[in-house]
Amino acid sequence: MKRYFILSFLITLTICSLAEARIKVSGRGAKMNFNPDSISAEYKESFELMSIKCIKCHTMERTVIAIQTGRAPITGQPFNRQAVKAYGIKMLRKPNSDMNKKEIRDIVIFLNYLLKENAN
């Protein structure tokens, strides 16, 4: 019985992986941001765009917290794919957002990528 338990335990360890797929974060408070080294190469351009455009109105800390917790830090509402799309539409309608449809689309796709990576 003891051998069976040990064998089962070893098989479980080899099958299960403890790899962390989450996007890493650096900094604290207002300086908090996603670590660029942990972002896939195909999303680097969108990350840079978001880092320039989104911090005009709020710190990146709000975005990081929303991705990590699944909740918008100010309202407490769920921050999921549907919310990301709604925020994108909201930013498109804001006259001072200085963002066009393509930029918003790229950022929405990037935020959905971050949500997916954080869920793993």
PDB file of N, CA and C in Angstrom:
ATOM      1  N   MET A   1       0.821  -1.191   0.000  1.00  0.00           N
ATOM      2  CA  MET A   1       0.000   0.000   0.000  1.00  0.00           C
ATOM      3  C   MET A   1       0.870   1.264   0.000  1.00  0.00           C
ATOM      4  N   LYS A   2       1.940   1.225   0.775  1.00  0.00           N
ATOM      5  CA  LYS A   2       2.835   2.361   0.866  1.00  0.00           C
ATOM      6  C   LYS A   2       3.514   2.614  -0.475  1.00  0.00           C
ATOM      7  N   ARG A   3       3.922   1.545  -1.153  1.00  0.00           N
ATOM      8  CA  ARG A   3       4.558   1.681  -2.466  1.00  0.00           C
ATOM      9  C   ARG A   3       3.583   2.267  -3.481  1.00  0.00           C
ATOM     10  N   TYR A   4       2.336   1.847  -3.413  1.00  0.00           N
ATOM     11  CA  TYR A   4       1.305   2.353  -4.320  1.00  0.00           C
ATOM     12  C   TYR A   4       1.124   3.854  -4.111  1.00  0.00           C
ATOM     13  N   PHE A   5       1.099   4.289  -2.884  1.00  0.00           N
ATOM     14  CA  PHE A   5       0.960   5.701  -2.564  1.00  0.00           C
ATOM     15  C   PHE A   5       2.148   6.499  -3.097  1.00  0.00           C
ATOM     16  N   ILE A   6       3.338   6.015  -2.872  1.00  0.00           N
ATOM     17  CA  ILE A   6       4.538   6.708  -3.332  1.00  0.00           C
ATOM     18  C   ILE A   6       4.569   6.761  -4.857  1.00  0.00           C
ATOM     19  N   LEU A   7       4.226   5.657  -5.510  1.00  0.00           N
ATOM     20  CA  LEU A   7       4.185   5.620  -6.964  1.00  0.00           C
ATOM     21  C   LEU A   7       3.145   6.615  -7.494  1.00  0.00           C
ATOM     22  N   SER A   8       1.983   6.646  -6.884  1.00  0.00           N
ATOM     23  CA  SER A   8       0.936   7.591  -7.290  1.00  0.00           C
ATOM     24  C   SER A   8       1.401   9.029  -7.112  1.00  0.00           C
ATOM     25  N   PHE A   9       2.058   9.267  -5.997  1.00  0.00           N
ATOM     26  CA  PHE A   9       2.571  10.609  -5.717  1.00  0.00           C
ATOM     27  C   PHE A   9       3.598  11.034  -6.760  1.00  0.00           C
ATOM     28  N   LEU A  10       4.516  10.162  -7.119  1.00  0.00           N
ATOM     29  CA  LEU A  10       5.536  10.471  -8.111  1.00  0.00           C
ATOM     30  C   LEU A  10       4.935  10.702  -9.499  1.00  0.00           C
ATOM     31  N   ILE A  11       3.970   9.917  -9.856  1.00  0.00           N
ATOM     32  CA  ILE A  11       3.299  10.093 -11.150  1.00  0.00           C
ATOM     33  C   ILE A  11       2.572  11.439 -11.182  1.00  0.00           C
ATOM     34  N   THR A  12       1.922  11.769 -10.096  1.00  0.00           N
ATOM     35  CA  THR A  12       1.226  13.053 -10.004  1.00  0.00           C
ATOM     36  C   THR A  12       2.202  14.208 -10.150  1.00  0.00           C
ATOM     37  N   LEU A  13       3.355  14.114  -9.513  1.00  0.00           N
ATOM     38  CA  LEU A  13       4.359  15.171  -9.612  1.00  0.00           C
ATOM     39  C   LEU A  13       4.880  15.335 -11.027  1.00  0.00           C
ATOM     40  N   THR A  14       5.040  14.245 -11.743  1.00  0.00           N
ATOM     41  CA  THR A  14       5.563  14.347 -13.105  1.00  0.00           C
ATOM     42  C   THR A  14       4.517  14.877 -14.077  1.00  0.00           C
ATOM     43  N   ILE A  15       3.267  14.608 -13.801  1.00  0.00           N
ATOM     44  CA  ILE A  15       2.198  15.067 -14.688  1.00  0.00           C
ATOM     45  C   ILE A  15       1.861  16.531 -14.419  1.00  0.00           C
ATOM     46  N   CYS A  16       1.762  16.902 -13.169  1.00  0.00           N
ATOM     47  CA  CYS A  16       1.382  18.265 -12.794  1.00  0.00           C
ATOM     48  C   CYS A  16       2.595  19.179 -12.826  1.00  0.00           C
ATOM     49  N   SER A  17       2.386  20.345 -13.357  1.00  0.00           N
ATOM     50  CA  SER A  17       3.456  21.328 -13.432  1.00  0.00           C
ATOM     51  C   SER A  17       3.116  22.514 -12.550  1.00  0.00           C
ATOM     52  N   LEU A  18       4.099  23.067 -11.933  1.00  0.00           N
ATOM     53  CA  LEU A  18       3.893  24.228 -11.087  1.00  0.00           C
ATOM     54  C   LEU A  18       4.316  25.513 -11.796  1.00  0.00           C
ATOM     55  N   ALA A  19       4.385  25.496 -13.103  1.00  0.00           N
ATOM     56  CA  ALA A  19       4.811  26.668 -13.866  1.00  0.00           C
ATOM     57  C   ALA A  19       3.819  27.810 -13.667  1.00  0.00           C
ATOM     58  N   GLU A  20       4.342  28.979 -13.524  1.00  0.00           N
ATOM     59  CA  GLU A  20       3.541  30.178 -13.332  1.00  0.00           C
ATOM     60  C   GLU A  20       3.473  30.930 -14.651  1.00  0.00           C
ATOM     61  N   ALA A  21       2.274  31.056 -15.215  1.00  0.00           N
ATOM     62  CA  ALA A  21       2.118  31.702 -16.512  1.00  0.00           C
ATOM     63  C   ALA A  21       1.752  33.176 -16.376  1.00  0.00           C
ATOM     64  N   ARG A  22       1.559  33.647 -15.176  1.00  0.00           N
ATOM     65  CA  ARG A  22       1.117  35.017 -14.984  1.00  0.00           C
ATOM     66  C   ARG A  22       2.156  36.025 -15.460  1.00  0.00           C
ATOM     67  N   ILE A  23       1.640  37.150 -15.861  1.00  0.00           N
ATOM     68  CA  ILE A  23       2.495  38.254 -16.272  1.00  0.00           C
ATOM     69  C   ILE A  23       3.097  38.865 -15.015  1.00  0.00           C
ATOM     70  N   LYS A  24       4.380  39.047 -15.007  1.00  0.00           N
ATOM     71  CA  LYS A  24       5.063  39.586 -13.839  1.00  0.00           C
ATOM     72  C   LYS A  24       4.882  41.098 -13.769  1.00  0.00           C
ATOM     73  N   VAL A  25       4.937  41.606 -12.542  1.00  0.00           N
ATOM     74  CA  VAL A  25       4.724  43.020 -12.282  1.00  0.00           C
ATOM     75  C   VAL A  25       5.962  43.584 -11.598  1.00  0.00           C
ATOM     76  N   SER A  26       6.268  44.831 -11.894  1.00  0.00           N
ATOM     77  CA  SER A  26       7.389  45.492 -11.222  1.00  0.00           C
ATOM     78  C   SER A  26       6.909  46.822 -10.651  1.00  0.00           C
ATOM     79  N   GLY A  27       7.591  47.299  -9.624  1.00  0.00           N
ATOM     80  CA  GLY A  27       7.258  48.573  -9.010  1.00  0.00           C
ATOM     81  C   GLY A  27       6.133  48.446  -7.991  1.00  0.00           C
ATOM     82  N   ARG A  28       5.891  49.551  -7.310  1.00  0.00           N
ATOM     83  CA  ARG A  28       4.827  49.622  -6.306  1.00  0.00           C
ATOM     84  C   ARG A  28       4.079  50.932  -6.457  1.00  0.00           C
ATOM     85  N   GLY A  29       2.839  50.928  -5.993  1.00  0.00           N
ATOM     86  CA  GLY A  29       2.049  52.154  -6.027  1.00  0.00           C
ATOM     87  C   GLY A  29       1.924  52.719  -7.426  1.00  0.00           C
ATOM     88  N   ALA A  30       2.104  54.027  -7.536  1.00  0.00           N
ATOM     89  CA  ALA A  30       1.959  54.700  -8.832  1.00  0.00           C
ATOM     90  C   ALA A  30       2.995  54.236  -9.855  1.00  0.00           C
ATOM     91  N   LYS A  31       4.066  53.629  -9.410  1.00  0.00           N
ATOM     92  CA  LYS A  31       5.126  53.137 -10.316  1.00  0.00           C
ATOM     93  C   LYS A  31       4.894  51.694 -10.760  1.00  0.00           C
ATOM     94  N   MET A  32       3.815  51.073 -10.296  1.00  0.00           N
ATOM     95  CA  MET A  32       3.526  49.677 -10.645  1.00  0.00           C
ATOM     96  C   MET A  32       3.238  49.561 -12.138  1.00  0.00           C
ATOM     97  N   ASN A  33       3.810  48.519 -12.742  1.00  0.00           N
ATOM     98  CA  ASN A  33       3.603  48.280 -14.166  1.00  0.00           C
ATOM     99  C   ASN A  33       3.883  46.817 -14.465  1.00  0.00           C
ATOM    100  N   PHE A  34       3.449  46.365 -15.621  1.00  0.00           N
ATOM    101  CA  PHE A  34       3.753  45.016 -16.057  1.00  0.00           C
ATOM    102  C   PHE A  34       5.216  44.956 -16.450  1.00  0.00           C
ATOM    103  N   ASN A  35       5.870  43.864 -16.130  1.00  0.00           N
ATOM    104  CA  ASN A  35       7.277  43.690 -16.492  1.00  0.00           C
ATOM    105  C   ASN A  35       7.352  43.387 -17.985  1.00  0.00           C
ATOM    106  N   PRO A  36       7.998  44.249 -18.766  1.00  0.00           N
ATOM    107  CA  PRO A  36       8.053  44.039 -20.221  1.00  0.00           C
ATOM    108  C   PRO A  36       8.688  42.710 -20.630  1.00  0.00           C
ATOM    109  N   ASP A  37       9.583  42.177 -19.799  1.00  0.00           N
ATOM    110  CA  ASP A  37      10.246  40.910 -20.131  1.00  0.00           C
ATOM    111  C   ASP A  37       9.288  39.724 -20.088  1.00  0.00           C
ATOM    112  N   SER A  38       8.165  39.857 -19.364  1.00  0.00           N
ATOM    113  CA  SER A  38       7.236  38.741 -19.247  1.00  0.00           C
ATOM    114  C   SER A  38       6.106  38.812 -20.271  1.00  0.00           C
ATOM    115  N   ILE A  39       6.175  39.780 -21.171  1.00  0.00           N
ATOM    116  CA  ILE A  39       5.130  39.954 -22.186  1.00  0.00           C
ATOM    117  C   ILE A  39       5.611  39.367 -23.508  1.00  0.00           C
ATOM    118  N   SER A  40       4.738  38.606 -24.129  1.00  0.00           N
ATOM    119  CA  SER A  40       5.032  37.960 -25.410  1.00  0.00           C
ATOM    120  C   SER A  40       5.430  39.008 -26.450  1.00  0.00           C
ATOM    121  N   ALA A  41       6.349  38.638 -27.331  1.00  0.00           N
ATOM    122  CA  ALA A  41       6.871  39.558 -28.345  1.00  0.00           C
ATOM    123  C   ALA A  41       5.770  40.129 -29.242  1.00  0.00           C
ATOM    124  N   GLU A  42       4.745  39.335 -29.517  1.00  0.00           N
ATOM    125  CA  GLU A  42       3.687  39.821 -30.408  1.00  0.00           C
ATOM    126  C   GLU A  42       2.849  40.929 -29.769  1.00  0.00           C
ATOM    127  N   TYR A  43       2.932  41.106 -28.458  1.00  0.00           N
ATOM    128  CA  TYR A  43       2.154  42.128 -27.754  1.00  0.00           C
ATOM    129  C   TYR A  43       3.000  43.292 -27.257  1.00  0.00           C
ATOM    130  N   LYS A  44       4.293  43.293 -27.534  1.00  0.00           N
ATOM    131  CA  LYS A  44       5.180  44.361 -27.056  1.00  0.00           C
ATOM    132  C   LYS A  44       4.728  45.735 -27.552  1.00  0.00           C
ATOM    133  N   GLU A  45       4.367  45.824 -28.825  1.00  0.00           N
ATOM    134  CA  GLU A  45       3.944  47.104 -29.397  1.00  0.00           C
ATOM    135  C   GLU A  45       2.673  47.608 -28.717  1.00  0.00           C
ATOM    136  N   SER A  46       1.726  46.712 -28.468  1.00  0.00           N
ATOM    137  CA  SER A  46       0.489  47.099 -27.778  1.00  0.00           C
ATOM    138  C   SER A  46       0.778  47.524 -26.341  1.00  0.00           C
ATOM    139  N   PHE A  47       1.716  46.841 -25.699  1.00  0.00           N
ATOM    140  CA  PHE A  47       2.102  47.205 -24.331  1.00  0.00           C
ATOM    141  C   PHE A  47       2.689  48.614 -24.308  1.00  0.00           C
ATOM    142  N   GLU A  48       3.565  48.912 -25.250  1.00  0.00           N
ATOM    143  CA  GLU A  48       4.167  50.244 -25.314  1.00  0.00           C
ATOM    144  C   GLU A  48       3.114  51.310 -25.586  1.00  0.00           C
ATOM    145  N   LEU A  49       2.174  51.008 -26.485  1.00  0.00           N
ATOM    146  CA  LEU A  49       1.083  51.933 -26.788  1.00  0.00           C
ATOM    147  C   LEU A  49       0.251  52.193 -25.534  1.00  0.00           C
ATOM    148  N   MET A  50      -0.098  51.129 -24.829  1.00  0.00           N
ATOM    149  CA  MET A  50      -0.878  51.269 -23.605  1.00  0.00           C
ATOM    150  C   MET A  50      -0.104  52.069 -22.559  1.00  0.00           C
ATOM    151  N   SER A  51       1.192  51.838 -22.471  1.00  0.00           N
ATOM    152  CA  SER A  51       2.026  52.540 -21.496  1.00  0.00           C
ATOM    153  C   SER A  51       2.095  54.037 -21.773  1.00  0.00           C
ATOM    154  N   ILE A  52       1.890  54.428 -23.015  1.00  0.00           N
ATOM    155  CA  ILE A  52       1.928  55.849 -23.371  1.00  0.00           C
ATOM    156  C   ILE A  52       0.546  56.482 -23.251  1.00  0.00           C
ATOM    157  N   LYS A  53      -0.454  55.826 -23.820  1.00  0.00           N
ATOM    158  CA  LYS A  53      -1.791  56.417 -23.910  1.00  0.00           C
ATOM    159  C   LYS A  53      -2.575  56.364 -22.599  1.00  0.00           C
ATOM    160  N   CYS A  54      -2.543  55.244 -21.920  1.00  0.00           N
ATOM    161  CA  CYS A  54      -3.421  55.056 -20.760  1.00  0.00           C
ATOM    162  C   CYS A  54      -2.996  55.865 -19.540  1.00  0.00           C
ATOM    163  N   ILE A  55      -1.698  56.157 -19.440  1.00  0.00           N
ATOM    164  CA  ILE A  55      -1.244  56.882 -18.244  1.00  0.00           C
ATOM    165  C   ILE A  55      -1.510  58.384 -18.332  1.00  0.00           C
ATOM    166  N   LYS A  56      -2.117  58.825 -19.412  1.00  0.00           N
ATOM    167  CA  LYS A  56      -2.496  60.234 -19.503  1.00  0.00           C
ATOM    168  C   LYS A  56      -3.595  60.566 -18.490  1.00  0.00           C
ATOM    169  N   CYS A  57      -4.453  59.588 -18.197  1.00  0.00           N
ATOM    170  CA  CYS A  57      -5.584  59.830 -17.297  1.00  0.00           C
ATOM    171  C   CYS A  57      -5.468  59.104 -15.957  1.00  0.00           C
ATOM    172  N   HIS A  58      -4.741  58.002 -15.925  1.00  0.00           N
ATOM    173  CA  HIS A  58      -4.602  57.247 -14.673  1.00  0.00           C
ATOM    174  C   HIS A  58      -3.271  56.504 -14.669  1.00  0.00           C
ATOM    175  N   THR A  59      -2.868  56.061 -13.494  1.00  0.00           N
ATOM    176  CA  THR A  59      -1.612  55.315 -13.399  1.00  0.00           C
ATOM    177  C   THR A  59      -1.811  53.904 -13.928  1.00  0.00           C
ATOM    178  N   MET A  60      -0.718  53.268 -14.272  1.00  0.00           N
ATOM    179  CA  MET A  60      -0.780  51.882 -14.739  1.00  0.00           C
ATOM    180  C   MET A  60      -1.161  50.958 -13.584  1.00  0.00           C
ATOM    181  N   GLU A  61      -0.995  51.419 -12.365  1.00  0.00           N
ATOM    182  CA  GLU A  61      -1.360  50.621 -11.189  1.00  0.00           C
ATOM    183  C   GLU A  61      -2.818  50.169 -11.270  1.00  0.00           C
ATOM    184  N   ARG A  62      -3.709  51.035 -11.722  1.00  0.00           N
ATOM    185  CA  ARG A  62      -5.125  50.665 -11.836  1.00  0.00           C
ATOM    186  C   ARG A  62      -5.323  49.496 -12.787  1.00  0.00           C
ATOM    187  N   THR A  63      -4.609  49.521 -13.899  1.00  0.00           N
ATOM    188  CA  THR A  63      -4.723  48.439 -14.881  1.00  0.00           C
ATOM    189  C   THR A  63      -4.142  47.149 -14.325  1.00  0.00           C
ATOM    190  N   VAL A  64      -2.994  47.231 -13.674  1.00  0.00           N
ATOM    191  CA  VAL A  64      -2.346  46.044 -13.100  1.00  0.00           C
ATOM    192  C   VAL A  64      -3.260  45.405 -12.059  1.00  0.00           C
ATOM    193  N   ILE A  65      -3.818  46.208 -11.174  1.00  0.00           N
ATOM    194  CA  ILE A  65      -4.701  45.681 -10.124  1.00  0.00           C
ATOM    195  C   ILE A  65      -5.940  45.043 -10.744  1.00  0.00           C
ATOM    196  N   ALA A  66      -6.506  45.679 -11.767  1.00  0.00           N
ATOM    197  CA  ALA A  66      -7.688  45.119 -12.427  1.00  0.00           C
ATOM    198  C   ALA A  66      -7.384  43.761 -13.042  1.00  0.00           C
ATOM    199  N   ILE A  67      -6.229  43.637 -13.691  1.00  0.00           N
ATOM    200  CA  ILE A  67      -5.844  42.362 -14.297  1.00  0.00           C
ATOM    201  C   ILE A  67      -5.592  41.312 -13.218  1.00  0.00           C
ATOM    202  N   GLN A  68      -4.890  41.677 -12.156  1.00  0.00           N
ATOM    203  CA  GLN A  68      -4.541  40.718 -11.107  1.00  0.00           C
ATOM    204  C   GLN A  68      -5.751  40.234 -10.317  1.00  0.00           C
ATOM    205  N   THR A  69      -6.671  41.143 -10.021  1.00  0.00           N
ATOM    206  CA  THR A  69      -7.795  40.792  -9.147  1.00  0.00           C
ATOM    207  C   THR A  69      -9.064  40.423  -9.901  1.00  0.00           C
ATOM    208  N   GLY A  70      -9.160  40.846 -11.161  1.00  0.00           N
ATOM    209  CA  GLY A  70     -10.393  40.610 -11.906  1.00  0.00           C
ATOM    210  C   GLY A  70     -11.485  41.589 -11.532  1.00  0.00           C
ATOM    211  N   ARG A  71     -11.116  42.665 -10.829  1.00  0.00           N
ATOM    212  CA  ARG A  71     -12.050  43.704 -10.403  1.00  0.00           C
ATOM    213  C   ARG A  71     -11.466  45.074 -10.722  1.00  0.00           C
ATOM    214  N   ALA A  72     -12.312  45.981 -11.200  1.00  0.00           N
ATOM    215  CA  ALA A  72     -11.882  47.358 -11.422  1.00  0.00           C
ATOM    216  C   ALA A  72     -11.640  47.994 -10.054  1.00  0.00           C
ATOM    217  N   PRO A  73     -10.470  48.584  -9.827  1.00  0.00           N
ATOM    218  CA  PRO A  73     -10.129  49.071  -8.483  1.00  0.00           C
ATOM    219  C   PRO A  73     -11.016  50.201  -7.965  1.00  0.00           C
ATOM    220  N   ILE A  74     -11.549  51.031  -8.826  1.00  0.00           N
ATOM    221  CA  ILE A  74     -12.374  52.149  -8.375  1.00  0.00           C
ATOM    222  C   ILE A  74     -13.816  51.712  -8.117  1.00  0.00           C
ATOM    223  N   THR A  75     -14.416  51.027  -9.086  1.00  0.00           N
ATOM    224  CA  THR A  75     -15.831  50.660  -8.974  1.00  0.00           C
ATOM    225  C   THR A  75     -16.058  49.311  -8.312  1.00  0.00           C
ATOM    226  N   GLY A  76     -15.068  48.448  -8.357  1.00  0.00           N
ATOM    227  CA  GLY A  76     -15.241  47.101  -7.809  1.00  0.00           C
ATOM    228  C   GLY A  76     -15.990  46.170  -8.749  1.00  0.00           C
ATOM    229  N   GLN A  77     -16.324  46.656  -9.928  1.00  0.00           N
ATOM    230  CA  GLN A  77     -17.040  45.841 -10.913  1.00  0.00           C
ATOM    231  C   GLN A  77     -16.097  44.790 -11.494  1.00  0.00           C
ATOM    232  N   PRO A  78     -16.639  43.688 -11.996  1.00  0.00           N
ATOM    233  CA  PRO A  78     -15.786  42.663 -12.619  1.00  0.00           C
ATOM    234  C   PRO A  78     -14.987  43.249 -13.772  1.00  0.00           C
ATOM    235  N   PHE A  79     -13.748  42.834 -13.876  1.00  0.00           N
ATOM    236  CA  PHE A  79     -12.878  43.249 -14.981  1.00  0.00           C
ATOM    237  C   PHE A  79     -12.586  41.996 -15.787  1.00  0.00           C
ATOM    238  N   ASN A  80     -13.404  41.782 -16.814  1.00  0.00           N
ATOM    239  CA  ASN A  80     -13.286  40.605 -17.671  1.00  0.00           C
ATOM    240  C   ASN A  80     -13.312  41.056 -19.121  1.00  0.00           C
ATOM    241  N   ARG A  81     -13.424  40.113 -20.041  1.00  0.00           N
ATOM    242  CA  ARG A  81     -13.411  40.451 -21.472  1.00  0.00           C
ATOM    243  C   ARG A  81     -14.520  41.445 -21.827  1.00  0.00           C
ATOM    244  N   GLN A  82     -15.666  41.252 -21.260  1.00  0.00           N
ATOM    245  CA  GLN A  82     -16.800  42.140 -21.539  1.00  0.00           C
ATOM    246  C   GLN A  82     -16.512  43.556 -21.019  1.00  0.00           C
ATOM    247  N   ALA A  83     -15.939  43.649 -19.828  1.00  0.00           N
ATOM    248  CA  ALA A  83     -15.603  44.952 -19.254  1.00  0.00           C
ATOM    249  C   ALA A  83     -14.506  45.640 -20.062  1.00  0.00           C
ATOM    250  N   VAL A  84     -13.527  44.857 -20.523  1.00  0.00           N
ATOM    251  CA  VAL A  84     -12.446  45.425 -21.338  1.00  0.00           C
ATOM    252  C   VAL A  84     -13.023  46.043 -22.608  1.00  0.00           C
ATOM    253  N   LYS A  85     -13.943  45.352 -23.226  1.00  0.00           N
ATOM    254  CA  LYS A  85     -14.584  45.871 -24.440  1.00  0.00           C
ATOM    255  C   LYS A  85     -15.344  47.161 -24.125  1.00  0.00           C
ATOM    256  N   ALA A  86     -16.059  47.171 -23.005  1.00  0.00           N
ATOM    257  CA  ALA A  86     -16.814  48.366 -22.603  1.00  0.00           C
ATOM    258  C   ALA A  86     -15.877  49.543 -22.334  1.00  0.00           C
ATOM    259  N   TYR A  87     -14.745  49.278 -21.685  1.00  0.00           N
ATOM    260  CA  TYR A  87     -13.773  50.341 -21.438  1.00  0.00           C
ATOM    261  C   TYR A  87     -13.199  50.864 -22.752  1.00  0.00           C
ATOM    262  N   GLY A  88     -12.971  49.964 -23.700  1.00  0.00           N
ATOM    263  CA  GLY A  88     -12.483  50.377 -25.010  1.00  0.00           C
ATOM    264  C   GLY A  88     -13.456  51.313 -25.700  1.00  0.00           C
ATOM    265  N   ILE A  89     -14.729  50.968 -25.661  1.00  0.00           N
ATOM    266  CA  ILE A  89     -15.759  51.820 -26.268  1.00  0.00           C
ATOM    267  C   ILE A  89     -15.818  53.165 -25.545  1.00  0.00           C
ATOM    268  N   LYS A  90     -15.719  53.122 -24.230  1.00  0.00           N
ATOM    269  CA  LYS A  90     -15.726  54.352 -23.428  1.00  0.00           C
ATOM    270  C   LYS A  90     -14.566  55.261 -23.819  1.00  0.00           C
ATOM    271  N   MET A  91     -13.381  54.680 -24.002  1.00  0.00           N
ATOM    272  CA  MET A  91     -12.206  55.469 -24.378  1.00  0.00           C
ATOM    273  C   MET A  91     -12.344  56.033 -25.794  1.00  0.00           C
ATOM    274  N   LEU A  92     -12.986  55.291 -26.666  1.00  0.00           N
ATOM    275  CA  LEU A  92     -13.200  55.755 -28.035  1.00  0.00           C
ATOM    276  C   LEU A  92     -14.102  56.988 -28.037  1.00  0.00           C
ATOM    277  N   ARG A  93     -15.057  57.021 -27.129  1.00  0.00           N
ATOM    278  CA  ARG A  93     -16.017  58.134 -27.059  1.00  0.00           C
ATOM    279  C   ARG A  93     -15.472  59.348 -26.316  1.00  0.00           C
ATOM    280  N   LYS A  94     -14.437  59.158 -25.516  1.00  0.00           N
ATOM    281  CA  LYS A  94     -13.860  60.290 -24.773  1.00  0.00           C
ATOM    282  C   LYS A  94     -13.140  61.215 -25.745  1.00  0.00           C
ATOM    283  N   PRO A  95     -13.490  62.494 -25.742  1.00  0.00           N
ATOM    284  CA  PRO A  95     -12.866  63.410 -26.706  1.00  0.00           C
ATOM    285  C   PRO A  95     -11.375  63.649 -26.447  1.00  0.00           C
ATOM    286  N   ASN A  96     -10.929  63.531 -25.216  1.00  0.00           N
ATOM    287  CA  ASN A  96      -9.522  63.809 -24.909  1.00  0.00           C
ATOM    288  C   ASN A  96      -8.672  62.551 -24.744  1.00  0.00           C
ATOM    289  N   SER A  97      -9.180  61.399 -25.187  1.00  0.00           N
ATOM    290  CA  SER A  97      -8.409  60.159 -25.036  1.00  0.00           C
ATOM    291  C   SER A  97      -7.245  60.093 -26.019  1.00  0.00           C
ATOM    292  N   ASP A  98      -7.340  60.843 -27.108  1.00  0.00           N
ATOM    293  CA  ASP A  98      -6.291  60.877 -28.120  1.00  0.00           C
ATOM    294  C   ASP A  98      -5.965  59.483 -28.644  1.00  0.00           C
ATOM    295  N   MET A  99      -7.018  58.669 -28.832  1.00  0.00           N
ATOM    296  CA  MET A  99      -6.847  57.297 -29.314  1.00  0.00           C
ATOM    297  C   MET A  99      -7.796  57.053 -30.482  1.00  0.00           C
ATOM    298  N   ASN A 100      -7.306  56.342 -31.481  1.00  0.00           N
ATOM    299  CA  ASN A 100      -8.165  55.985 -32.604  1.00  0.00           C
ATOM    300  C   ASN A 100      -8.645  54.538 -32.446  1.00  0.00           C
ATOM    301  N   LYS A 101      -9.511  54.108 -33.364  1.00  0.00           N
ATOM    302  CA  LYS A 101     -10.093  52.762 -33.277  1.00  0.00           C
ATOM    303  C   LYS A 101      -9.046  51.657 -33.265  1.00  0.00           C
ATOM    304  N   LYS A 102      -8.039  51.768 -34.120  1.00  0.00           N
ATOM    305  CA  LYS A 102      -7.012  50.724 -34.201  1.00  0.00           C
ATOM    306  C   LYS A 102      -6.230  50.627 -32.907  1.00  0.00           C
ATOM    307  N   GLU A 103      -5.861  51.768 -32.338  1.00  0.00           N
ATOM    308  CA  GLU A 103      -5.115  51.761 -31.077  1.00  0.00           C
ATOM    309  C   GLU A 103      -5.934  51.134 -29.962  1.00  0.00           C
ATOM    310  N   ILE A 104      -7.193  51.510 -29.886  1.00  0.00           N
ATOM    311  CA  ILE A 104      -8.059  50.942 -28.850  1.00  0.00           C
ATOM    312  C   ILE A 104      -8.241  49.448 -29.067  1.00  0.00           C
ATOM    313  N   ARG A 105      -8.427  49.050 -30.313  1.00  0.00           N
ATOM    314  CA  ARG A 105      -8.570  47.615 -30.618  1.00  0.00           C
ATOM    315  C   ARG A 105      -7.329  46.844 -30.186  1.00  0.00           C
ATOM    316  N   ASP A 106      -6.147  47.383 -30.492  1.00  0.00           N
ATOM    317  CA  ASP A 106      -4.893  46.730 -30.102  1.00  0.00           C
ATOM    318  C   ASP A 106      -4.771  46.617 -28.583  1.00  0.00           C
ATOM    319  N   ILE A 107      -5.149  47.663 -27.874  1.00  0.00           N
ATOM    320  CA  ILE A 107      -5.068  47.632 -26.410  1.00  0.00           C
ATOM    321  C   ILE A 107      -6.088  46.669 -25.828  1.00  0.00           C
ATOM    322  N   VAL A 108      -7.293  46.616 -26.390  1.00  0.00           N
ATOM    323  CA  VAL A 108      -8.317  45.672 -25.920  1.00  0.00           C
ATOM    324  C   VAL A 108      -7.825  44.233 -26.117  1.00  0.00           C
ATOM    325  N   ILE A 109      -7.246  43.948 -27.260  1.00  0.00           N
ATOM    326  CA  ILE A 109      -6.697  42.605 -27.519  1.00  0.00           C
ATOM    327  C   ILE A 109      -5.584  42.294 -26.521  1.00  0.00           C
ATOM    328  N   PHE A 110      -4.731  43.273 -26.256  1.00  0.00           N
ATOM    329  CA  PHE A 110      -3.641  43.085 -25.297  1.00  0.00           C
ATOM    330  C   PHE A 110      -4.177  42.839 -23.884  1.00  0.00           C
ATOM    331  N   LEU A 111      -5.181  43.613 -23.468  1.00  0.00           N
ATOM    332  CA  LEU A 111      -5.766  43.412 -22.131  1.00  0.00           C
ATOM    333  C   LEU A 111      -6.421  42.036 -22.017  1.00  0.00           C
ATOM    334  N   ASN A 112      -7.051  41.586 -23.086  1.00  0.00           N
ATOM    335  CA  ASN A 112      -7.637  40.233 -23.073  1.00  0.00           C
ATOM    336  C   ASN A 112      -6.543  39.174 -22.957  1.00  0.00           C
ATOM    337  N   TYR A 113      -5.408  39.406 -23.610  1.00  0.00           N
ATOM    338  CA  TYR A 113      -4.252  38.515 -23.469  1.00  0.00           C
ATOM    339  C   TYR A 113      -3.783  38.482 -22.012  1.00  0.00           C
ATOM    340  N   LEU A 114      -3.682  39.657 -21.392  1.00  0.00           N
ATOM    341  CA  LEU A 114      -3.251  39.725 -19.987  1.00  0.00           C
ATOM    342  C   LEU A 114      -4.232  38.993 -19.076  1.00  0.00           C
ATOM    343  N   LEU A 115      -5.531  39.168 -19.326  1.00  0.00           N
ATOM    344  CA  LEU A 115      -6.532  38.452 -18.520  1.00  0.00           C
ATOM    345  C   LEU A 115      -6.373  36.949 -18.665  1.00  0.00           C
ATOM    346  N   LYS A 116      -6.159  36.497 -19.888  1.00  0.00           N
ATOM    347  CA  LYS A 116      -5.996  35.054 -20.142  1.00  0.00           C
ATOM    348  C   LYS A 116      -4.739  34.516 -19.446  1.00  0.00           C
ATOM    349  N   GLU A 117      -3.634  35.230 -19.573  1.00  0.00           N
ATOM    350  CA  GLU A 117      -2.381  34.797 -18.946  1.00  0.00           C
ATOM    351  C   GLU A 117      -2.507  34.788 -17.429  1.00  0.00           C
ATOM    352  N   ASN A 118      -3.195  35.754 -16.875  1.00  0.00           N
ATOM    353  CA  ASN A 118      -3.339  35.838 -15.437  1.00  0.00           C
ATOM    354  C   ASN A 118      -4.258  34.742 -14.894  1.00  0.00           C
ATOM    355  N   ALA A 119      -5.179  34.263 -15.733  1.00  0.00           N
ATOM    356  CA  ALA A 119      -6.109  33.215 -15.298  1.00  0.00           C
ATOM    357  C   ALA A 119      -5.438  31.863 -15.197  1.00  0.00           C
ATOM    358  N   ASN A 120      -4.341  31.652 -15.916  1.00  0.00           N
ATOM    359  CA  ASN A 120      -3.651  30.352 -15.908  1.00  0.00           C
ATOM    360  C   ASN A 120      -2.992  30.067 -14.587  1.00  0.00           C
TER     361      ASN A 120
END
